[in-house]
Amino acid sequence: IGMENKKNTNIIFGGLLVLIVVIVGGLLYFANSSDSKTDAKNDLQSVELPQLSNEVGKDEAEVQIQTTAGNINIKLFPKLAPMAVENFLTLAKQGYYKNNEFFRVINDFMIQTGDPSNKGTGSKSVVNNNKPFATEISNQLYHIRGAVSLANSGPGETSSSQFFIVQNPQAAEQGLSTSKYPQKIIDAYKKGGSPFLDGQYTVFGQVISGMDVVDKIAAGKVEANPNNPQEESSPVNPEKITGVKIIKGWDFKK
């Protein structure tokens, strides 16, 4: 009887020990998990956000898009969107964008160009073996007002020469949280932009002067789009790109 009681006592103490280990382990797991989430959140809040400065940094390029409506100066992010920027700069040097119309214009949303056919059906890539390339997503770049982003035809390698400039001037921060966005970007969205595009298209530049020109193009009279009759987005008197001046280039071999 004594041996049996001792055995039962050992079992009880053994079970308690296992239970304590499980509880402590669980607490440590949740603490670490919470710390990881906090670290991830803090990391997101501490990333550099180059779109928020009008200065052109040493890791950035700059171009001037000259149009029939005026000039638009844009800084580019070759470190964060290398394929997009290399494709754009190479085509710009070749004169590819000259006489491209802003063929799709939606006021309070964006203006689109980059297709010599001016129909939205043409595009060109000089990277990725001359084929369309993958979307380049960065937690440092967002579709705030003035963002320059590549159009695409869906997931996969579908980006090339067509690009758009986000024009929406209306506040767009509603529903955004610091778990997914840096607070400074949420604040930037209060001044306009299109956050629903984030994660789907490659932001590769930011307008640093000439947003008044972007607004002027966006305000032009439009009619039904032949490719999408339900969308009023084809300019009646489209503005054109007359040239792209490279103010500060980028060496992609370095």
Protein backbone atom coordinates (compact mmCIF):
# COMPACT_ATOMS: atom_id res chain seq x y z
CA ILE A 1 0.00 0.00 0.00
CA GLY A 2 2.83 2.35 0.94
CA MET A 3 4.59 1.75 -2.40
CA GLU A 4 1.37 2.38 -4.28
CA ASN A 5 0.77 5.71 -2.46
CA LYS A 6 4.34 6.77 -3.18
CA LYS A 7 3.88 5.83 -6.83
CA ASN A 8 0.65 7.83 -7.03
CA THR A 9 2.35 10.80 -5.38
CA ASN A 10 5.17 10.62 -7.94
CA ILE A 11 2.62 10.52 -10.74
CA ILE A 12 0.83 13.57 -9.32
CA PHE A 13 4.04 15.55 -8.92
CA GLY A 14 5.19 14.44 -12.38
CA GLY A 15 1.92 15.57 -13.90
CA LEU A 16 2.13 18.94 -12.13
CA LEU A 17 5.69 19.39 -13.38
CA VAL A 18 4.60 18.72 -16.99
CA LEU A 19 1.68 21.12 -16.56
CA ILE A 20 3.99 23.86 -15.21
CA VAL A 21 6.40 23.34 -18.11
CA VAL A 22 3.53 23.60 -20.62
CA ILE A 23 2.17 26.77 -19.00
CA VAL A 24 5.59 28.46 -18.79
CA GLY A 25 6.39 27.41 -22.35
CA GLY A 26 3.08 28.78 -23.55
CA LEU A 27 3.63 32.09 -21.78
CA LEU A 28 7.11 32.37 -23.27
CA TYR A 29 5.76 31.54 -26.75
CA PHE A 30 3.06 34.20 -26.59
CA ALA A 31 5.51 36.71 -25.15
CA ASN A 32 7.98 36.04 -27.93
CA SER A 33 5.19 36.06 -30.50
CA SER A 34 4.02 39.40 -29.18
CA ASP A 35 7.59 40.70 -29.24
CA SER A 36 7.94 39.53 -32.83
CA LYS A 37 4.78 41.31 -33.83
CA THR A 38 5.96 44.42 -32.00
CA ASP A 39 9.38 44.18 -33.68
CA ALA A 40 7.74 43.76 -37.09
CA LYS A 41 5.51 46.74 -36.40
CA ASN A 42 8.46 48.81 -35.20
CA ASP A 43 10.46 47.76 -38.27
CA LEU A 44 7.63 48.96 -40.52
CA GLN A 45 7.46 52.26 -38.65
CA SER A 46 11.20 52.81 -38.99
CA VAL A 47 11.71 52.09 -42.71
CA GLU A 48 12.93 54.91 -44.91
CA LEU A 49 10.16 56.50 -46.97
CA PRO A 50 11.82 58.25 -49.93
CA GLN A 51 8.53 59.42 -51.46
CA LEU A 52 8.01 61.86 -48.60
CA SER A 53 11.01 64.01 -49.57
CA ASN A 54 11.30 66.23 -52.64
CA GLU A 55 15.07 65.94 -52.47
CA VAL A 56 16.76 63.54 -54.90
CA GLY A 57 18.96 61.19 -52.87
CA LYS A 58 22.25 59.57 -53.90
CA ASP A 59 20.43 56.28 -54.51
CA GLU A 60 17.81 57.94 -56.71
CA ALA A 61 17.54 59.17 -60.31
CA GLU A 62 15.56 62.10 -61.72
CA VAL A 63 13.75 62.80 -64.97
CA GLN A 64 11.61 65.57 -66.37
CA ILE A 65 8.61 64.46 -68.37
CA GLN A 66 7.91 67.26 -70.82
CA THR A 67 4.30 67.39 -71.97
CA THR A 68 1.99 69.63 -73.97
CA ALA A 69 0.45 70.64 -70.63
CA GLY A 70 3.77 71.46 -68.90
CA ASN A 71 6.69 69.72 -67.22
CA ILE A 72 6.55 67.03 -64.53
CA ASN A 73 9.71 66.29 -62.53
CA ILE A 74 9.94 62.80 -61.09
CA LYS A 75 12.50 61.10 -58.90
CA LEU A 76 13.03 57.38 -59.47
CA PHE A 77 13.96 54.56 -57.07
CA PRO A 78 16.45 52.22 -58.83
CA LYS A 79 17.38 50.42 -55.60
CA LEU A 80 13.78 49.58 -54.70
CA ALA A 81 12.37 48.93 -58.19
CA PRO A 82 15.43 48.13 -60.35
CA MET A 83 13.71 46.50 -63.33
CA ALA A 84 11.04 49.19 -63.57
CA VAL A 85 13.55 52.04 -63.41
CA GLU A 86 16.03 50.44 -65.79
CA ASN A 87 13.27 49.75 -68.32
CA PHE A 88 11.94 53.31 -68.03
CA LEU A 89 15.33 55.04 -68.28
CA THR A 90 16.48 52.88 -71.20
CA LEU A 91 13.28 53.54 -73.15
CA ALA A 92 13.49 57.25 -72.31
CA LYS A 93 17.01 57.39 -73.79
CA GLN A 94 15.70 55.69 -76.93
CA GLY A 95 12.95 58.31 -77.34
CA TYR A 96 10.27 55.65 -76.88
CA TYR A 97 7.95 57.92 -74.90
CA LYS A 98 8.01 60.86 -77.30
CA ASN A 99 4.51 61.64 -78.63
CA ASN A 100 2.91 59.14 -76.25
CA GLU A 101 -0.53 60.41 -75.29
CA PHE A 102 -2.03 60.27 -71.84
CA PHE A 103 -4.54 57.88 -73.35
CA ARG A 104 -6.40 56.97 -70.16
CA VAL A 105 -7.40 59.74 -67.79
CA ILE A 106 -9.68 59.46 -64.76
CA ASN A 107 -10.01 62.62 -62.70
CA ASP A 108 -9.57 62.08 -58.94
CA PHE A 109 -7.73 58.83 -59.70
CA MET A 110 -4.81 58.74 -62.18
CA ILE A 111 -3.42 59.54 -65.65
CA GLN A 112 -1.87 56.76 -67.79
CA THR A 113 0.60 56.76 -70.69
CA GLY A 114 3.61 54.80 -72.01
CA ASP A 115 2.07 53.21 -75.12
CA PRO A 116 3.07 54.60 -78.55
CA SER A 117 -0.13 53.16 -80.08
CA ASN A 118 -2.07 55.42 -77.67
CA LYS A 119 -4.70 52.71 -77.35
CA GLY A 120 -3.52 50.95 -74.19
CA THR A 121 -2.65 47.81 -76.13
CA GLY A 122 1.08 48.37 -76.73
CA SER A 123 4.06 48.02 -74.42
CA LYS A 124 7.79 47.34 -74.49
CA SER A 125 10.38 45.75 -72.23
CA VAL A 126 14.15 45.95 -72.63
CA VAL A 127 14.86 44.01 -69.42
CA ASN A 128 14.07 40.39 -68.47
CA ASN A 129 15.21 39.20 -71.92
CA ASN A 130 12.91 41.77 -73.56
CA LYS A 131 9.84 40.25 -71.93
CA PRO A 132 7.38 41.76 -69.44
CA PHE A 133 8.70 41.51 -65.90
CA ALA A 134 7.41 40.85 -62.41
CA THR A 135 5.82 43.38 -60.08
CA GLU A 136 8.35 44.86 -57.63
CA ILE A 137 6.76 45.50 -54.24
CA SER A 138 8.48 47.40 -51.42
CA ASN A 139 7.28 48.33 -47.93
CA GLN A 140 8.98 51.67 -48.56
CA LEU A 141 6.82 52.67 -51.56
CA TYR A 142 3.07 53.35 -51.73
CA HIS A 143 0.42 54.78 -54.06
CA ILE A 144 0.21 58.17 -52.38
CA ARG A 145 -0.69 61.23 -54.45
CA GLY A 146 2.05 61.80 -57.03
CA ALA A 147 3.29 58.19 -57.05
CA VAL A 148 4.49 56.91 -60.43
CA SER A 149 3.60 53.25 -60.95
CA LEU A 150 3.69 50.64 -63.70
CA ALA A 151 0.48 49.37 -65.22
CA ASN A 152 0.17 45.61 -65.58
CA SER A 153 -2.33 43.01 -66.72
CA GLY A 154 -2.44 40.97 -63.53
CA PRO A 155 -0.20 38.79 -61.35
CA GLY A 156 3.03 37.37 -62.72
CA GLU A 157 5.40 38.96 -65.22
CA THR A 158 3.10 41.53 -66.86
CA SER A 159 4.80 44.90 -66.24
CA SER A 160 6.55 46.82 -69.01
CA SER A 161 6.47 50.38 -70.41
CA GLN A 162 2.99 51.64 -69.55
CA PHE A 163 2.85 53.73 -66.40
CA PHE A 164 0.45 55.95 -64.50
CA ILE A 165 0.67 58.85 -62.08
CA VAL A 166 -1.65 58.77 -59.05
CA GLN A 167 -3.61 62.03 -59.06
CA ASN A 168 -6.43 61.63 -56.53
CA PRO A 169 -6.33 64.67 -54.19
CA GLN A 170 -9.02 63.38 -51.84
CA ALA A 171 -8.21 62.00 -48.38
CA ALA A 172 -7.73 58.23 -48.60
CA GLU A 173 -6.40 57.16 -45.19
CA GLN A 174 -9.65 55.70 -43.86
CA GLY A 175 -9.30 52.08 -42.79
CA LEU A 176 -5.49 52.04 -42.89
CA SER A 177 -3.72 50.71 -39.80
CA THR A 178 -0.14 50.83 -38.51
CA SER A 179 -0.02 47.04 -38.63
CA LYS A 180 0.26 47.31 -42.42
CA TYR A 181 1.31 50.92 -43.04
CA PRO A 182 3.92 53.28 -41.62
CA GLN A 183 2.16 56.09 -39.76
CA LYS A 184 3.84 58.68 -42.00
CA ILE A 185 2.32 57.02 -45.07
CA ILE A 186 -1.12 57.00 -43.44
CA ASP A 187 -0.62 60.72 -42.87
CA ALA A 188 0.42 61.15 -46.52
CA TYR A 189 -2.76 59.39 -47.65
CA LYS A 190 -4.71 62.14 -45.88
CA LYS A 191 -3.55 64.36 -48.76
CA GLY A 192 -4.71 61.91 -51.44
CA GLY A 193 -3.73 58.72 -53.22
CA SER A 194 -5.08 55.25 -53.97
CA PRO A 195 -4.06 52.75 -51.26
CA PHE A 196 -6.18 49.96 -52.81
CA LEU A 197 -3.46 49.70 -55.48
CA ASP A 198 -0.73 48.88 -52.94
CA GLY A 199 0.81 45.45 -53.36
CA GLN A 200 -0.53 45.06 -56.89
CA TYR A 201 1.55 47.48 -58.96
CA THR A 202 5.18 48.63 -59.01
CA VAL A 203 5.71 52.10 -57.58
CA PHE A 204 9.01 53.24 -59.10
CA GLY A 205 8.91 57.03 -58.83
CA GLN A 206 7.38 60.09 -57.21
CA VAL A 207 6.44 63.48 -58.64
CA ILE A 208 8.55 66.17 -56.94
CA SER A 209 7.27 69.12 -58.99
CA GLY A 210 4.53 69.57 -61.56
CA MET A 211 1.52 68.08 -59.78
CA ASP A 212 -0.42 71.07 -61.11
CA VAL A 213 0.32 69.70 -64.59
CA VAL A 214 -0.88 66.23 -63.53
CA ASP A 215 -4.09 67.83 -62.21
CA LYS A 216 -4.54 69.76 -65.46
CA ILE A 217 -4.23 66.58 -67.54
CA ALA A 218 -6.60 64.73 -65.20
CA ALA A 219 -9.22 67.49 -65.54
CA GLY A 220 -9.41 67.20 -69.34
CA LYS A 221 -12.70 66.31 -70.99
CA VAL A 222 -13.12 62.56 -71.56
CA GLU A 223 -15.46 60.18 -73.37
CA ALA A 224 -16.15 56.46 -73.28
CA ASN A 225 -13.08 54.24 -73.48
CA PRO A 226 -13.21 52.00 -76.62
CA ASN A 227 -11.64 49.16 -74.62
CA ASN A 228 -14.12 49.61 -71.79
CA PRO A 229 -17.26 51.54 -72.87
CA GLN A 230 -18.50 51.76 -69.28
CA GLU A 231 -15.44 53.83 -68.32
CA GLU A 232 -15.28 57.52 -69.24
CA SER A 233 -11.51 57.80 -69.60
CA SER A 234 -10.53 58.56 -73.21
CA PRO A 235 -9.44 62.21 -73.52
CA VAL A 236 -11.22 64.21 -76.20
CA ASN A 237 -8.08 66.34 -76.66
CA PRO A 238 -5.29 64.19 -75.20
CA GLU A 239 -2.13 65.78 -73.85
CA LYS A 240 1.15 64.26 -75.08
CA ILE A 241 4.67 63.60 -73.85
CA THR A 242 6.99 65.71 -76.01
CA GLY A 243 10.16 64.32 -74.44
CA VAL A 244 11.78 62.84 -71.35
CA LYS A 245 14.87 64.65 -70.07
CA ILE A 246 17.15 62.60 -67.84
CA ILE A 247 18.40 65.02 -65.18
CA LYS A 248 20.19 62.39 -63.10
CA GLY A 249 20.74 58.90 -64.51
CA TRP A 250 21.69 55.64 -62.86
CA ASP A 251 24.40 53.09 -63.58
CA PHE A 252 22.79 49.64 -63.25
CA LYS A 253 26.16 47.89 -63.60
CA LYS A 254 27.46 49.15 -60.27
